[in-house]
Protein backbone atom coordinates (compact mmCIF):
# COMPACT_ATOMS: atom_id res chain seq x y z
CA UNK A 1 0.00 0.00 0.00
CA UNK A 2 2.79 2.40 -0.86
CA UNK A 3 1.29 5.57 -2.28
CA UNK A 4 3.08 8.46 -3.96
CA UNK A 5 1.28 11.69 -4.82
CA UNK A 6 3.02 14.29 -7.00
CA UNK A 7 1.99 17.92 -7.22
CA UNK A 8 3.36 21.29 -8.31
CA UNK A 9 3.50 20.94 -12.07
CA UNK A 10 2.21 23.59 -14.42
CA UNK A 11 2.96 25.98 -17.26
CA UNK A 12 5.96 28.30 -16.92
CA UNK A 13 7.99 30.54 -19.21
CA UNK A 14 11.59 29.72 -20.10
CA UNK A 15 13.87 30.82 -17.27
CA UNK A 16 11.15 30.35 -14.69
CA UNK A 17 11.00 28.07 -11.66
CA UNK A 18 8.76 25.37 -10.24
CA UNK A 19 8.91 23.18 -7.17
CA UNK A 20 7.49 19.69 -7.42
CA UNK A 21 6.38 17.76 -4.34
CA UNK A 22 5.87 14.04 -3.76
CA UNK A 23 4.08 12.95 -0.62
CA UNK A 24 4.79 9.33 0.33
CA UNK A 25 2.96 6.89 2.56
CA UNK A 26 3.20 3.19 3.33
CA UNK A 27 6.96 3.09 3.87
CA UNK A 28 9.64 4.21 6.31
CA UNK A 29 10.42 7.47 4.59
CA UNK A 30 13.78 8.15 6.27
CA UNK A 31 15.13 4.87 4.85
CA UNK A 32 13.59 5.21 1.42
CA UNK A 33 15.55 6.10 -1.68
CA UNK A 34 13.52 8.62 -3.64
CA UNK A 35 13.91 9.65 -7.27
CA UNK A 36 12.37 11.90 -9.87
CA UNK A 37 11.99 10.69 -13.44
CA UNK A 38 10.57 12.46 -16.47
CA UNK A 39 9.16 11.40 -19.80
CA UNK A 40 8.55 13.60 -22.82
CA UNK A 41 6.30 12.52 -25.72
CA UNK A 42 8.08 10.01 -27.94
CA UNK A 43 11.02 9.72 -25.54
CA UNK A 44 12.10 7.13 -23.00
CA UNK A 45 11.59 7.80 -19.33
CA UNK A 46 14.81 9.21 -17.87
CA UNK A 47 16.17 9.54 -14.36
CA UNK A 48 16.43 13.19 -13.31
CA UNK A 49 17.55 13.09 -9.67
CA UNK A 50 17.91 10.71 -6.72
CA UNK A 51 18.30 11.16 -2.99
CA UNK A 52 19.55 8.03 -1.23
CA UNK A 53 17.88 6.85 1.96
CA UNK A 54 19.71 7.38 5.27
CA UNK A 55 22.86 8.86 3.73
CA UNK A 56 21.09 11.67 1.90
CA UNK A 57 23.52 11.46 -1.02
CA UNK A 58 22.12 13.07 -4.16
CA UNK A 59 22.70 12.39 -7.84
CA UNK A 60 21.58 14.33 -10.90
CA UNK A 61 21.34 13.85 -14.62
CA UNK A 62 23.93 15.93 -16.46
CA UNK A 63 21.17 17.86 -18.21
CA UNK A 64 19.85 19.32 -14.94
CA UNK A 65 22.99 19.75 -12.83
CA UNK A 66 23.25 23.25 -11.44
CA UNK A 67 19.57 23.96 -12.14
CA UNK A 68 17.59 21.33 -10.19
CA UNK A 69 17.83 20.38 -6.52
CA UNK A 70 16.30 17.32 -4.88
CA UNK A 71 15.59 17.43 -1.16
CA UNK A 72 13.31 15.80 1.40
CA UNK A 73 11.51 16.56 4.63
CA UNK A 74 11.33 13.46 6.81
CA UNK A 75 8.76 15.03 9.14
CA UNK A 76 6.36 15.48 6.22
CA UNK A 77 7.28 12.30 4.30
CA UNK A 78 7.76 14.50 1.25
CA UNK A 79 10.46 14.76 -1.39
CA UNK A 80 10.88 17.92 -3.47
CA UNK A 81 12.38 18.86 -6.80
CA UNK A 82 13.27 22.54 -7.07
CA UNK A 83 13.60 23.41 -10.76
CA UNK A 84 15.23 26.71 -11.73
CA UNK A 85 16.24 28.22 -15.07
CA UNK A 86 13.72 26.02 -16.84
CA UNK A 87 14.15 25.32 -20.53
CA UNK A 88 11.64 24.14 -23.15
CA UNK A 89 13.46 20.80 -23.25
CA UNK A 90 12.49 20.27 -19.59
CA UNK A 91 8.89 19.87 -20.73
CA UNK A 92 7.73 16.40 -19.66
CA UNK A 93 5.59 14.42 -17.28
CA UNK A 94 7.50 14.13 -14.02
CA UNK A 95 7.15 11.00 -11.89
CA UNK A 96 8.09 10.24 -8.30
CA UNK A 97 9.73 6.87 -7.61
CA UNK A 98 10.47 5.14 -4.30
CA UNK A 99 12.43 2.15 -3.06
CA UNK A 100 12.12 1.06 0.56
CA UNK A 101 15.91 1.00 0.85
CA UNK A 102 19.04 0.90 -1.29
CA UNK A 103 18.82 -2.92 -1.22
CA UNK A 104 15.15 -3.14 -2.19
CA UNK A 105 14.36 -4.95 -5.42
CA UNK A 106 10.89 -3.43 -5.87
CA UNK A 107 10.00 0.16 -6.59
CA UNK A 108 6.84 2.25 -6.67
CA UNK A 109 5.55 5.06 -8.89
CA UNK A 110 3.33 8.07 -8.58
CA UNK A 111 0.81 9.10 -11.22
CA UNK A 112 2.90 11.95 -12.60
CA UNK A 113 2.60 15.71 -12.86
CA UNK A 114 2.95 17.69 -16.10
CA UNK A 115 5.57 20.41 -16.50
CA UNK A 116 5.35 22.58 -19.61
CA UNK A 117 7.97 25.24 -20.35
CA UNK A 118 6.85 27.53 -23.15
CA UNK A 119 6.54 31.16 -24.18
C-alpha atoms as a PDB file:
ATOM      1  CA  UNK A   1       0.000   0.000   0.000  1.00  0.00           C
ATOM      2  CA  UNK A   2       2.789   2.397  -0.862  1.00  0.00           C
ATOM      3  CA  UNK A   3       1.286   5.572  -2.280  1.00  0.00           C
ATOM      4  CA  UNK A   4       3.082   8.462  -3.962  1.00  0.00           C
ATOM      5  CA  UNK A   5       1.282  11.689  -4.822  1.00  0.00           C
ATOM      6  CA  UNK A   6       3.016  14.287  -7.004  1.00  0.00           C
ATOM      7  CA  UNK A   7       1.991  17.918  -7.224  1.00  0.00           C
ATOM      8  CA  UNK A   8       3.355  21.293  -8.308  1.00  0.00           C
ATOM      9  CA  UNK A   9       3.496  20.940 -12.067  1.00  0.00           C
ATOM     10  CA  UNK A  10       2.210  23.590 -14.421  1.00  0.00           C
ATOM     11  CA  UNK A  11       2.959  25.982 -17.261  1.00  0.00           C
ATOM     12  CA  UNK A  12       5.959  28.299 -16.922  1.00  0.00           C
ATOM     13  CA  UNK A  13       7.987  30.540 -19.212  1.00  0.00           C
ATOM     14  CA  UNK A  14      11.593  29.718 -20.104  1.00  0.00           C
ATOM     15  CA  UNK A  15      13.875  30.822 -17.275  1.00  0.00           C
ATOM     16  CA  UNK A  16      11.149  30.353 -14.694  1.00  0.00           C
ATOM     17  CA  UNK A  17      11.002  28.072 -11.665  1.00  0.00           C
ATOM     18  CA  UNK A  18       8.764  25.374 -10.240  1.00  0.00           C
ATOM     19  CA  UNK A  19       8.907  23.184  -7.170  1.00  0.00           C
ATOM     20  CA  UNK A  20       7.485  19.689  -7.417  1.00  0.00           C
ATOM     21  CA  UNK A  21       6.384  17.760  -4.343  1.00  0.00           C
ATOM     22  CA  UNK A  22       5.874  14.039  -3.764  1.00  0.00           C
ATOM     23  CA  UNK A  23       4.076  12.948  -0.617  1.00  0.00           C
ATOM     24  CA  UNK A  24       4.786   9.331   0.325  1.00  0.00           C
ATOM     25  CA  UNK A  25       2.960   6.890   2.561  1.00  0.00           C
ATOM     26  CA  UNK A  26       3.203   3.185   3.333  1.00  0.00           C
ATOM     27  CA  UNK A  27       6.963   3.087   3.870  1.00  0.00           C
ATOM     28  CA  UNK A  28       9.638   4.211   6.310  1.00  0.00           C
ATOM     29  CA  UNK A  29      10.424   7.467   4.592  1.00  0.00           C
ATOM     30  CA  UNK A  30      13.781   8.146   6.271  1.00  0.00           C
ATOM     31  CA  UNK A  31      15.134   4.871   4.854  1.00  0.00           C
ATOM     32  CA  UNK A  32      13.594   5.214   1.418  1.00  0.00           C
ATOM     33  CA  UNK A  33      15.548   6.104  -1.678  1.00  0.00           C
ATOM     34  CA  UNK A  34      13.515   8.624  -3.645  1.00  0.00           C
ATOM     35  CA  UNK A  35      13.908   9.650  -7.267  1.00  0.00           C
ATOM     36  CA  UNK A  36      12.369  11.903  -9.866  1.00  0.00           C
ATOM     37  CA  UNK A  37      11.991  10.693 -13.443  1.00  0.00           C
ATOM     38  CA  UNK A  38      10.574  12.461 -16.468  1.00  0.00           C
ATOM     39  CA  UNK A  39       9.158  11.397 -19.803  1.00  0.00           C
ATOM     40  CA  UNK A  40       8.551  13.596 -22.820  1.00  0.00           C
ATOM     41  CA  UNK A  41       6.304  12.522 -25.717  1.00  0.00           C
ATOM     42  CA  UNK A  42       8.085  10.005 -27.941  1.00  0.00           C
ATOM     43  CA  UNK A  43      11.018   9.720 -25.541  1.00  0.00           C
ATOM     44  CA  UNK A  44      12.096   7.128 -23.004  1.00  0.00           C
ATOM     45  CA  UNK A  45      11.587   7.796 -19.330  1.00  0.00           C
ATOM     46  CA  UNK A  46      14.811   9.212 -17.872  1.00  0.00           C
ATOM     47  CA  UNK A  47      16.170   9.538 -14.361  1.00  0.00           C
ATOM     48  CA  UNK A  48      16.428  13.186 -13.309  1.00  0.00           C
ATOM     49  CA  UNK A  49      17.551  13.085  -9.669  1.00  0.00           C
ATOM     50  CA  UNK A  50      17.909  10.709  -6.717  1.00  0.00           C
ATOM     51  CA  UNK A  51      18.304  11.164  -2.989  1.00  0.00           C
ATOM     52  CA  UNK A  52      19.550   8.029  -1.233  1.00  0.00           C
ATOM     53  CA  UNK A  53      17.883   6.849   1.962  1.00  0.00           C
ATOM     54  CA  UNK A  54      19.707   7.383   5.267  1.00  0.00           C
ATOM     55  CA  UNK A  55      22.858   8.861   3.725  1.00  0.00           C
ATOM     56  CA  UNK A  56      21.093  11.674   1.897  1.00  0.00           C
ATOM     57  CA  UNK A  57      23.515  11.457  -1.018  1.00  0.00           C
ATOM     58  CA  UNK A  58      22.122  13.073  -4.156  1.00  0.00           C
ATOM     59  CA  UNK A  59      22.705  12.387  -7.839  1.00  0.00           C
ATOM     60  CA  UNK A  60      21.580  14.327 -10.901  1.00  0.00           C
ATOM     61  CA  UNK A  61      21.337  13.849 -14.620  1.00  0.00           C
ATOM     62  CA  UNK A  62      23.931  15.932 -16.459  1.00  0.00           C
ATOM     63  CA  UNK A  63      21.168  17.863 -18.214  1.00  0.00           C
ATOM     64  CA  UNK A  64      19.848  19.320 -14.941  1.00  0.00           C
ATOM     65  CA  UNK A  65      22.993  19.746 -12.832  1.00  0.00           C
ATOM     66  CA  UNK A  66      23.247  23.249 -11.440  1.00  0.00           C
ATOM     67  CA  UNK A  67      19.574  23.957 -12.136  1.00  0.00           C
ATOM     68  CA  UNK A  68      17.589  21.332 -10.193  1.00  0.00           C
ATOM     69  CA  UNK A  69      17.830  20.382  -6.520  1.00  0.00           C
ATOM     70  CA  UNK A  70      16.301  17.316  -4.880  1.00  0.00           C
ATOM     71  CA  UNK A  71      15.588  17.427  -1.155  1.00  0.00           C
ATOM     72  CA  UNK A  72      13.312  15.800   1.398  1.00  0.00           C
ATOM     73  CA  UNK A  73      11.514  16.560   4.634  1.00  0.00           C
ATOM     74  CA  UNK A  74      11.326  13.457   6.813  1.00  0.00           C
ATOM     75  CA  UNK A  75       8.756  15.033   9.139  1.00  0.00           C
ATOM     76  CA  UNK A  76       6.362  15.485   6.215  1.00  0.00           C
ATOM     77  CA  UNK A  77       7.280  12.304   4.301  1.00  0.00           C
ATOM     78  CA  UNK A  78       7.759  14.497   1.255  1.00  0.00           C
ATOM     79  CA  UNK A  79      10.460  14.757  -1.389  1.00  0.00           C
ATOM     80  CA  UNK A  80      10.881  17.917  -3.474  1.00  0.00           C
ATOM     81  CA  UNK A  81      12.385  18.861  -6.797  1.00  0.00           C
ATOM     82  CA  UNK A  82      13.266  22.536  -7.071  1.00  0.00           C
ATOM     83  CA  UNK A  83      13.596  23.412 -10.756  1.00  0.00           C
ATOM     84  CA  UNK A  84      15.232  26.706 -11.729  1.00  0.00           C
ATOM     85  CA  UNK A  85      16.237  28.219 -15.073  1.00  0.00           C
ATOM     86  CA  UNK A  86      13.722  26.023 -16.837  1.00  0.00           C
ATOM     87  CA  UNK A  87      14.151  25.321 -20.532  1.00  0.00           C
ATOM     88  CA  UNK A  88      11.637  24.142 -23.150  1.00  0.00           C
ATOM     89  CA  UNK A  89      13.458  20.801 -23.246  1.00  0.00           C
ATOM     90  CA  UNK A  90      12.488  20.273 -19.593  1.00  0.00           C
ATOM     91  CA  UNK A  91       8.886  19.866 -20.735  1.00  0.00           C
ATOM     92  CA  UNK A  92       7.728  16.399 -19.664  1.00  0.00           C
ATOM     93  CA  UNK A  93       5.586  14.420 -17.281  1.00  0.00           C
ATOM     94  CA  UNK A  94       7.501  14.125 -14.022  1.00  0.00           C
ATOM     95  CA  UNK A  95       7.152  10.996 -11.891  1.00  0.00           C
ATOM     96  CA  UNK A  96       8.086  10.244  -8.299  1.00  0.00           C
ATOM     97  CA  UNK A  97       9.729   6.872  -7.610  1.00  0.00           C
ATOM     98  CA  UNK A  98      10.466   5.140  -4.305  1.00  0.00           C
ATOM     99  CA  UNK A  99      12.431   2.152  -3.064  1.00  0.00           C
ATOM    100  CA  UNK A 100      12.117   1.059   0.559  1.00  0.00           C
ATOM    101  CA  UNK A 101      15.914   1.004   0.845  1.00  0.00           C
ATOM    102  CA  UNK A 102      19.041   0.896  -1.290  1.00  0.00           C
ATOM    103  CA  UNK A 103      18.824  -2.922  -1.222  1.00  0.00           C
ATOM    104  CA  UNK A 104      15.148  -3.139  -2.193  1.00  0.00           C
ATOM    105  CA  UNK A 105      14.356  -4.952  -5.424  1.00  0.00           C
ATOM    106  CA  UNK A 106      10.893  -3.431  -5.870  1.00  0.00           C
ATOM    107  CA  UNK A 107       9.998   0.164  -6.594  1.00  0.00           C
ATOM    108  CA  UNK A 108       6.836   2.248  -6.674  1.00  0.00           C
ATOM    109  CA  UNK A 109       5.547   5.055  -8.890  1.00  0.00           C
ATOM    110  CA  UNK A 110       3.331   8.067  -8.578  1.00  0.00           C
ATOM    111  CA  UNK A 111       0.812   9.100 -11.225  1.00  0.00           C
ATOM    112  CA  UNK A 112       2.903  11.950 -12.602  1.00  0.00           C
ATOM    113  CA  UNK A 113       2.597  15.714 -12.865  1.00  0.00           C
ATOM    114  CA  UNK A 114       2.950  17.689 -16.101  1.00  0.00           C
ATOM    115  CA  UNK A 115       5.575  20.410 -16.497  1.00  0.00           C
ATOM    116  CA  UNK A 116       5.350  22.581 -19.608  1.00  0.00           C
ATOM    117  CA  UNK A 117       7.967  25.242 -20.350  1.00  0.00           C
ATOM    118  CA  UNK A 118       6.849  27.528 -23.154  1.00  0.00           C
ATOM    119  CA  UNK A 119       6.536  31.156 -24.183  1.00  0.00           C
END
